Amino acid sequence: MTDSTIAAPTNEAVWHASAAALYRGDLDTFLSHWQPDGTYEVAYPITGMPARVSGRDALAELFAGFSAVAAWIRVEDVRFHATADPDLAFVEERMLAELQDGSGYENDLCLRVGFRDGRIASIYEYYGERAHESLLERLAAATAGVERPS
């Protein structure tokens, strides 16, 4: 167990650095903030997206997909909540993105984030599944070359 007076600020800095790298499309830096065996899991699985991925290669594939189709991504109202467990935090945020096709994406997220040795070890994400499902449908249509309303 780590010292909670050090862990919370360090974990919060890791969270923000990781997110900033992802949103600017720097996948290597983003993944450098993760444990090699890191796990990303969602509470509400959506068809076409794995419910759980583990390991650097799987994380890279998952996050590269979204980054590649986004012209820009930003988050607002980020709230990092440290807990009594210095290796666990909850993050609330609102994600906004413009996709390469000009359509938009907005979603409210709540994430349970586990840390180990100064890196992200796990994320369990709750998101608005309808917004996420719509995003995946638009991505699939774009991949197939089919126009769909946003």
Protein backbone atom coordinates (compact mmCIF):
# COMPACT_ATOMS: atom_id res chain seq x y z
CA MET A 1 0.00 0.00 0.00
CA THR A 2 1.24 3.48 -0.79
CA ASP A 3 1.18 6.65 1.29
CA SER A 4 -2.19 8.31 0.60
CA THR A 5 -0.72 11.79 1.03
CA ILE A 6 1.49 11.08 -2.00
CA ALA A 7 -0.67 8.68 -4.02
CA ALA A 8 -3.70 10.89 -4.69
CA PRO A 9 -1.81 13.84 -6.24
CA THR A 10 0.50 11.48 -8.15
CA ASN A 11 -2.42 9.38 -9.42
CA GLU A 12 -4.33 12.48 -10.42
CA ALA A 13 -1.31 13.80 -12.34
CA VAL A 14 -0.96 10.42 -14.09
CA TRP A 15 -4.66 10.48 -14.99
CA HIS A 16 -4.47 13.97 -16.50
CA ALA A 17 -1.21 13.27 -18.37
CA SER A 18 -2.61 10.04 -19.78
CA ALA A 19 -5.85 11.68 -20.89
CA ALA A 20 -4.04 14.65 -22.46
CA ALA A 21 -1.87 12.28 -24.50
CA LEU A 22 -4.91 10.30 -25.69
CA TYR A 23 -6.84 13.42 -26.71
CA ARG A 24 -3.92 14.78 -28.74
CA GLY A 25 -3.53 11.40 -30.47
CA ASP A 26 -0.22 10.43 -28.82
CA LEU A 27 -0.99 6.77 -28.23
CA ASP A 28 2.53 5.78 -27.17
CA THR A 29 2.64 8.39 -24.40
CA PHE A 30 -0.92 7.50 -23.39
CA LEU A 31 0.04 3.83 -23.02
CA SER A 32 3.23 4.69 -21.12
CA HIS A 33 0.96 5.73 -18.23
CA TRP A 34 -0.54 2.21 -18.10
CA GLN A 35 0.76 -0.98 -16.58
CA PRO A 36 1.74 -3.47 -19.34
CA ASP A 37 -1.05 -5.80 -18.15
CA GLY A 38 -3.58 -2.95 -17.78
CA THR A 39 -7.28 -3.69 -18.21
CA TYR A 40 -10.08 -1.55 -19.61
CA GLU A 41 -13.63 -2.76 -19.04
CA VAL A 42 -17.07 -1.29 -19.59
CA ALA A 43 -20.17 -1.71 -17.46
CA TYR A 44 -22.55 -1.68 -20.43
CA PRO A 45 -21.08 -3.69 -23.32
CA ILE A 46 -22.06 -2.51 -26.79
CA THR A 47 -22.17 -4.75 -29.85
CA GLY A 48 -19.02 -4.22 -31.87
CA MET A 49 -16.84 -3.28 -28.93
CA PRO A 50 -15.18 -5.74 -26.57
CA ALA A 51 -16.46 -5.51 -22.99
CA ARG A 52 -12.96 -6.06 -21.61
CA VAL A 53 -9.46 -5.76 -23.02
CA SER A 54 -6.15 -6.40 -21.29
CA GLY A 55 -2.54 -5.76 -22.21
CA ARG A 56 -0.74 -3.08 -24.16
CA ASP A 57 -1.55 -4.40 -27.65
CA ALA A 58 -5.28 -4.74 -26.95
CA LEU A 59 -5.43 -1.31 -25.32
CA ALA A 60 -3.56 0.21 -28.28
CA GLU A 61 -5.99 -1.31 -30.76
CA LEU A 62 -9.06 -0.20 -28.83
CA PHE A 63 -7.99 3.39 -28.20
CA ALA A 64 -6.39 3.87 -31.64
CA GLY A 65 -9.76 3.21 -33.25
CA PHE A 66 -11.47 6.13 -31.55
CA SER A 67 -8.50 8.48 -31.89
CA ALA A 68 -8.25 7.78 -35.63
CA VAL A 69 -11.82 8.83 -36.39
CA ALA A 70 -11.86 11.93 -34.19
CA ALA A 71 -10.85 15.32 -35.58
CA TRP A 72 -10.62 16.47 -31.97
CA ILE A 73 -11.52 15.23 -28.50
CA ARG A 74 -11.87 17.21 -25.31
CA VAL A 75 -13.31 16.70 -21.87
CA GLU A 76 -15.08 19.12 -19.59
CA ASP A 77 -16.09 19.08 -15.95
CA VAL A 78 -13.37 16.59 -14.98
CA ARG A 79 -13.63 15.65 -11.32
CA PHE A 80 -11.00 13.32 -9.85
CA HIS A 81 -12.09 11.71 -6.58
CA ALA A 82 -9.36 10.05 -4.54
CA THR A 83 -10.60 7.39 -2.13
CA ALA A 84 -9.45 5.94 1.19
CA ASP A 85 -7.65 3.31 -0.90
CA PRO A 86 -4.64 5.21 -2.32
CA ASP A 87 -4.63 2.97 -5.41
CA LEU A 88 -8.26 3.66 -6.37
CA ALA A 89 -10.00 6.77 -7.67
CA PHE A 90 -13.23 7.70 -9.41
CA VAL A 91 -13.27 10.16 -12.31
CA GLU A 92 -16.30 11.95 -13.68
CA GLU A 93 -16.11 13.82 -16.97
CA ARG A 94 -18.04 14.93 -20.03
CA MET A 95 -16.41 13.92 -23.31
CA LEU A 96 -16.97 15.88 -26.50
CA ALA A 97 -15.56 15.04 -29.90
CA GLU A 98 -15.92 15.97 -33.52
CA LEU A 99 -15.50 13.03 -35.84
CA GLN A 100 -13.74 13.19 -39.19
CA ASP A 101 -17.13 13.12 -40.95
CA GLY A 102 -18.13 16.34 -39.12
CA SER A 103 -20.62 14.68 -36.77
CA GLY A 104 -20.36 15.11 -33.03
CA TYR A 105 -20.12 12.88 -30.00
CA GLU A 106 -21.03 13.81 -26.43
CA ASN A 107 -21.14 11.52 -23.43
CA ASP A 108 -21.00 11.67 -19.65
CA LEU A 109 -18.56 9.20 -18.14
CA CYS A 110 -17.81 7.83 -14.70
CA LEU A 111 -14.70 5.70 -14.35
CA ARG A 112 -13.31 3.59 -11.54
CA VAL A 113 -9.54 3.80 -11.99
CA GLY A 114 -7.07 1.48 -10.30
CA PHE A 115 -3.40 2.44 -10.01
CA ARG A 116 -0.33 0.33 -9.33
CA ASP A 117 3.21 1.66 -8.90
CA GLY A 118 2.35 5.07 -10.34
CA ARG A 119 0.57 3.80 -13.47
CA ILE A 120 -2.99 3.00 -14.46
CA ALA A 121 -3.70 -0.68 -13.82
CA SER A 122 -7.41 -0.76 -14.62
CA ILE A 123 -10.38 1.28 -15.73
CA TYR A 124 -13.98 0.24 -15.29
CA GLU A 125 -16.07 2.70 -17.28
CA TYR A 126 -19.72 3.66 -17.06
CA TYR A 127 -20.96 5.75 -19.99
CA GLY A 128 -24.22 6.68 -21.66
CA GLU A 129 -24.63 3.56 -23.73
CA ARG A 130 -27.02 5.07 -26.29
CA ALA A 131 -24.52 7.77 -27.24
CA HIS A 132 -21.74 5.20 -27.43
CA GLU A 133 -23.83 2.78 -29.48
CA SER A 134 -24.70 5.58 -31.92
CA LEU A 135 -21.00 6.39 -32.22
CA LEU A 136 -20.12 2.77 -33.03
CA GLU A 137 -22.92 2.58 -35.62
CA ARG A 138 -21.57 5.72 -37.32
CA LEU A 139 -18.03 4.35 -37.24
CA ALA A 140 -19.16 1.07 -38.78
CA ALA A 141 -21.06 2.94 -41.48
CA ALA A 142 -18.04 5.13 -42.22
CA THR A 143 -15.84 2.06 -42.49
CA ALA A 144 -18.30 0.53 -44.93
CA GLY A 145 -18.57 3.81 -46.86
CA VAL A 146 -22.24 4.25 -46.03
CA GLU A 147 -23.65 7.65 -45.07
CA ARG A 148 -25.84 7.62 -41.97
CA PRO A 149 -27.56 10.54 -40.27
CA SER A 150 -25.89 11.74 -37.05
